[in-house]
C-alpha atoms as a PDB file:
ATOM      1  CA  UNK A   1      72.433  73.828  14.074  1.00  0.00           C
ATOM      2  CA  UNK A   2      69.116  72.307  15.065  1.00  0.00           C
ATOM      3  CA  UNK A   3      66.827  74.003  17.548  1.00  0.00           C
ATOM      4  CA  UNK A   4      64.912  71.916  20.076  1.00  0.00           C
ATOM      5  CA  UNK A   5      61.229  72.094  20.893  1.00  0.00           C
ATOM      6  CA  UNK A   6      60.284  72.103  24.588  1.00  0.00           C
ATOM      7  CA  UNK A   7      59.300  68.415  24.556  1.00  0.00           C
ATOM      8  CA  UNK A   8      62.648  67.511  23.001  1.00  0.00           C
ATOM      9  CA  UNK A   9      64.532  69.585  25.590  1.00  0.00           C
ATOM     10  CA  UNK A  10      62.703  67.618  28.288  1.00  0.00           C
ATOM     11  CA  UNK A  11      63.603  64.310  26.632  1.00  0.00           C
ATOM     12  CA  UNK A  12      67.262  65.303  26.427  1.00  0.00           C
ATOM     13  CA  UNK A  13      67.495  66.323  30.067  1.00  0.00           C
ATOM     14  CA  UNK A  14      65.781  63.081  31.147  1.00  0.00           C
ATOM     15  CA  UNK A  15      68.296  60.996  29.197  1.00  0.00           C
ATOM     16  CA  UNK A  16      65.658  59.738  26.765  1.00  0.00           C
ATOM     17  CA  UNK A  17      66.775  59.671  23.116  1.00  0.00           C
ATOM     18  CA  UNK A  18      65.049  62.079  20.759  1.00  0.00           C
ATOM     19  CA  UNK A  19      63.019  60.465  17.949  1.00  0.00           C
ATOM     20  CA  UNK A  20      63.410  60.899  14.206  1.00  0.00           C
ATOM     21  CA  UNK A  21      62.219  59.036  11.134  1.00  0.00           C
ATOM     22  CA  UNK A  22      64.142  58.192   7.976  1.00  0.00           C
ATOM     23  CA  UNK A  23      63.466  56.803   4.534  1.00  0.00           C
ATOM     24  CA  UNK A  24      65.802  54.180   3.090  1.00  0.00           C
ATOM     25  CA  UNK A  25      65.476  54.876  -0.648  1.00  0.00           C
ATOM     26  CA  UNK A  26      66.208  51.845  -2.821  1.00  0.00           C
ATOM     27  CA  UNK A  27      65.752  50.478  -6.318  1.00  0.00           C
ATOM     28  CA  UNK A  28      66.214  47.033  -7.823  1.00  0.00           C
ATOM     29  CA  UNK A  29      69.186  46.438 -10.129  1.00  0.00           C
ATOM     30  CA  UNK A  30      68.586  44.626 -13.409  1.00  0.00           C
ATOM     31  CA  UNK A  31      71.178  41.974 -12.560  1.00  0.00           C
ATOM     32  CA  UNK A  32      69.696  41.397  -9.103  1.00  0.00           C
ATOM     33  CA  UNK A  33      70.184  43.030  -5.745  1.00  0.00           C
ATOM     34  CA  UNK A  34      69.483  46.633  -4.857  1.00  0.00           C
ATOM     35  CA  UNK A  35      71.034  50.071  -4.855  1.00  0.00           C
ATOM     36  CA  UNK A  36      70.420  52.615  -2.105  1.00  0.00           C
ATOM     37  CA  UNK A  37      70.296  56.376  -2.449  1.00  0.00           C
ATOM     38  CA  UNK A  38      72.469  58.341  -0.050  1.00  0.00           C
ATOM     39  CA  UNK A  39      72.826  62.092   0.241  1.00  0.00           C
ATOM     40  CA  UNK A  40      75.017  64.560   2.050  1.00  0.00           C
ATOM     41  CA  UNK A  41      73.954  66.381   5.181  1.00  0.00           C
ATOM     42  CA  UNK A  42      73.721  70.150   4.879  1.00  0.00           C
ATOM     43  CA  UNK A  43      76.074  71.098   7.711  1.00  0.00           C
ATOM     44  CA  UNK A  44      78.783  68.442   7.933  1.00  0.00           C
ATOM     45  CA  UNK A  45      78.483  66.970   4.391  1.00  0.00           C
ATOM     46  CA  UNK A  46      78.450  63.413   5.811  1.00  0.00           C
ATOM     47  CA  UNK A  47      76.635  60.746   3.812  1.00  0.00           C
ATOM     48  CA  UNK A  48      73.214  59.962   5.282  1.00  0.00           C
ATOM     49  CA  UNK A  49      69.726  58.892   4.271  1.00  0.00           C
ATOM     50  CA  UNK A  50      66.768  61.333   4.291  1.00  0.00           C
ATOM     51  CA  UNK A  51      65.584  61.865   7.862  1.00  0.00           C
ATOM     52  CA  UNK A  52      63.850  64.358  10.092  1.00  0.00           C
ATOM     53  CA  UNK A  53      61.484  64.994  12.958  1.00  0.00           C
ATOM     54  CA  UNK A  54      58.009  63.432  12.898  1.00  0.00           C
ATOM     55  CA  UNK A  55      54.820  65.104  14.062  1.00  0.00           C
ATOM     56  CA  UNK A  56      51.874  62.818  14.685  1.00  0.00           C
ATOM     57  CA  UNK A  57      51.143  59.104  14.584  1.00  0.00           C
ATOM     58  CA  UNK A  58      51.700  58.305  10.883  1.00  0.00           C
ATOM     59  CA  UNK A  59      55.472  58.573  11.085  1.00  0.00           C
ATOM     60  CA  UNK A  60      56.096  56.844   7.747  1.00  0.00           C
ATOM     61  CA  UNK A  61      54.431  59.819   6.033  1.00  0.00           C
ATOM     62  CA  UNK A  62      57.019  62.133   7.595  1.00  0.00           C
ATOM     63  CA  UNK A  63      59.823  59.864   6.365  1.00  0.00           C
ATOM     64  CA  UNK A  64      58.297  60.015   2.883  1.00  0.00           C
ATOM     65  CA  UNK A  65      58.110  63.812   3.101  1.00  0.00           C
ATOM     66  CA  UNK A  66      61.758  64.066   4.149  1.00  0.00           C
ATOM     67  CA  UNK A  67      62.748  61.927   1.141  1.00  0.00           C
ATOM     68  CA  UNK A  68      60.973  64.363  -1.166  1.00  0.00           C
ATOM     69  CA  UNK A  69      62.364  67.529   0.462  1.00  0.00           C
ATOM     70  CA  UNK A  70      65.937  66.338   0.984  1.00  0.00           C
ATOM     71  CA  UNK A  71      66.507  63.977  -1.964  1.00  0.00           C
ATOM     72  CA  UNK A  72      63.813  64.841  -4.508  1.00  0.00           C
ATOM     73  CA  UNK A  73      62.438  61.314  -4.723  1.00  0.00           C
ATOM     74  CA  UNK A  74      58.966  59.805  -4.807  1.00  0.00           C
ATOM     75  CA  UNK A  75      57.912  56.202  -4.376  1.00  0.00           C
ATOM     76  CA  UNK A  76      56.163  53.605  -2.265  1.00  0.00           C
ATOM     77  CA  UNK A  77      57.043  53.619   1.418  1.00  0.00           C
ATOM     78  CA  UNK A  78      56.374  50.782   3.849  1.00  0.00           C
ATOM     79  CA  UNK A  79      54.307  51.656   6.899  1.00  0.00           C
ATOM     80  CA  UNK A  80      56.426  49.518   9.195  1.00  0.00           C
ATOM     81  CA  UNK A  81      60.061  50.390   9.950  1.00  0.00           C
ATOM     82  CA  UNK A  82      62.733  47.812   9.157  1.00  0.00           C
ATOM     83  CA  UNK A  83      64.600  48.819  12.296  1.00  0.00           C
ATOM     84  CA  UNK A  84      66.226  51.677  14.144  1.00  0.00           C
ATOM     85  CA  UNK A  85      69.626  53.192  14.587  1.00  0.00           C
ATOM     86  CA  UNK A  86      71.052  55.732  17.011  1.00  0.00           C
ATOM     87  CA  UNK A  87      73.432  58.601  16.445  1.00  0.00           C
ATOM     88  CA  UNK A  88      74.748  61.660  18.242  1.00  0.00           C
ATOM     89  CA  UNK A  89      73.272  64.881  16.834  1.00  0.00           C
ATOM     90  CA  UNK A  90      75.094  68.155  17.186  1.00  0.00           C
ATOM     91  CA  UNK A  91      72.944  70.998  18.523  1.00  0.00           C
ATOM     92  CA  UNK A  92      73.985  74.611  19.039  1.00  0.00           C
ATOM     93  CA  UNK A  93      75.571  74.068  22.459  1.00  0.00           C
ATOM     94  CA  UNK A  94      75.586  70.293  22.991  1.00  0.00           C
ATOM     95  CA  UNK A  95      75.119  66.830  21.525  1.00  0.00           C
ATOM     96  CA  UNK A  96      72.023  64.665  21.967  1.00  0.00           C
ATOM     97  CA  UNK A  97      71.262  61.012  21.323  1.00  0.00           C
ATOM     98  CA  UNK A  98      68.684  60.458  18.576  1.00  0.00           C
ATOM     99  CA  UNK A  99      66.921  57.191  17.765  1.00  0.00           C
ATOM    100  CA  UNK A 100      65.753  56.920  14.156  1.00  0.00           C
ATOM    101  CA  UNK A 101      63.016  54.622  12.791  1.00  0.00           C
ATOM    102  CA  UNK A 102      63.910  53.593   9.217  1.00  0.00           C
ATOM    103  CA  UNK A 103      61.215  52.988   6.575  1.00  0.00           C
ATOM    104  CA  UNK A 104      62.099  51.426   3.208  1.00  0.00           C
ATOM    105  CA  UNK A 105      61.060  53.548   0.215  1.00  0.00           C
ATOM    106  CA  UNK A 106      60.993  51.951  -3.242  1.00  0.00           C
ATOM    107  CA  UNK A 107      61.913  54.865  -5.507  1.00  0.00           C
ATOM    108  CA  UNK A 108      59.691  55.326  -8.552  1.00  0.00           C
ATOM    109  CA  UNK A 109      60.602  58.861  -9.582  1.00  0.00           C
ATOM    110  CA  UNK A 110      63.611  61.158  -9.189  1.00  0.00           C
ATOM    111  CA  UNK A 111      62.815  64.829  -9.571  1.00  0.00           C
ATOM    112  CA  UNK A 112      65.108  67.153 -11.505  1.00  0.00           C
ATOM    113  CA  UNK A 113      64.302  69.953  -9.076  1.00  0.00           C
ATOM    114  CA  UNK A 114      63.434  69.708  -5.357  1.00  0.00           C
ATOM    115  CA  UNK A 115      63.544  71.942  -2.246  1.00  0.00           C
ATOM    116  CA  UNK A 116      67.089  71.110  -1.040  1.00  0.00           C
ATOM    117  CA  UNK A 117      68.820  70.304  -4.354  1.00  0.00           C
ATOM    118  CA  UNK A 118      71.363  73.117  -3.996  1.00  0.00           C
ATOM    119  CA  UNK A 119      72.265  72.049  -0.449  1.00  0.00           C
ATOM    120  CA  UNK A 120      72.892  68.320  -0.936  1.00  0.00           C
ATOM    121  CA  UNK A 121      74.443  65.754  -3.228  1.00  0.00           C
ATOM    122  CA  UNK A 122      72.598  62.498  -3.889  1.00  0.00           C
ATOM    123  CA  UNK A 123      74.169  59.290  -5.134  1.00  0.00           C
ATOM    124  CA  UNK A 124      73.004  55.747  -5.963  1.00  0.00           C
ATOM    125  CA  UNK A 125      75.325  53.115  -4.493  1.00  0.00           C
ATOM    126  CA  UNK A 126      75.484  49.412  -3.835  1.00  0.00           C
ATOM    127  CA  UNK A 127      74.853  48.565  -0.162  1.00  0.00           C
ATOM    128  CA  UNK A 128      78.572  47.808   0.265  1.00  0.00           C
ATOM    129  CA  UNK A 129      79.611  51.133  -1.278  1.00  0.00           C
ATOM    130  CA  UNK A 130      77.119  52.949   0.965  1.00  0.00           C
ATOM    131  CA  UNK A 131      78.552  51.111   3.985  1.00  0.00           C
ATOM    132  CA  UNK A 132      81.965  52.616   3.247  1.00  0.00           C
ATOM    133  CA  UNK A 133      80.611  56.185   3.177  1.00  0.00           C
ATOM    134  CA  UNK A 134      78.067  56.199   6.027  1.00  0.00           C
ATOM    135  CA  UNK A 135      79.441  56.958   9.510  1.00  0.00           C
ATOM    136  CA  UNK A 136      76.664  55.437  11.655  1.00  0.00           C
ATOM    137  CA  UNK A 137      77.498  51.724  12.254  1.00  0.00           C
ATOM    138  CA  UNK A 138      73.914  50.796  13.190  1.00  0.00           C
ATOM    139  CA  UNK A 139      72.603  52.330   9.960  1.00  0.00           C
ATOM    140  CA  UNK A 140      75.236  50.433   7.974  1.00  0.00           C
ATOM    141  CA  UNK A 141      74.058  47.188   9.624  1.00  0.00           C
ATOM    142  CA  UNK A 142      70.437  47.975   8.761  1.00  0.00           C
ATOM    143  CA  UNK A 143      71.310  48.624   5.117  1.00  0.00           C
ATOM    144  CA  UNK A 144      73.295  45.402   4.846  1.00  0.00           C
ATOM    145  CA  UNK A 145      70.494  43.399   6.471  1.00  0.00           C
ATOM    146  CA  UNK A 146      67.862  44.982   4.215  1.00  0.00           C
ATOM    147  CA  UNK A 147      69.931  44.225   1.096  1.00  0.00           C
ATOM    148  CA  UNK A 148      70.033  40.464   1.800  1.00  0.00           C
END
């Protein structure tokens, strides 16, 4: 389970959502439209997109880094998020609300080997297929909106 830094503990006790960043990996299909890359979380094996905690002002760089570490992908990331979603994160002894800024990442390269390859599955899906597998309704809405 995740451990909280002091500033995050303070945010939780004040009722303020914790902040994370995520990459929305995508590629264009030859016939039109896009596919998105989803992966499984390490603990619960739910389908998610690469995400994590950001340190510093250039949060898109942290989203890009998470995409590399968690999904083994490289590409061009936008510096402006396409939106946010919220979810309940399980910590060791409680749950906390997390708000996630989502940055689109156009995938240019998929690595054969990456830091978390043995801990996760990754899968390319249509936005509608991804919507069926992802549990967070706000993230599903963001993916559908982005795919239009």
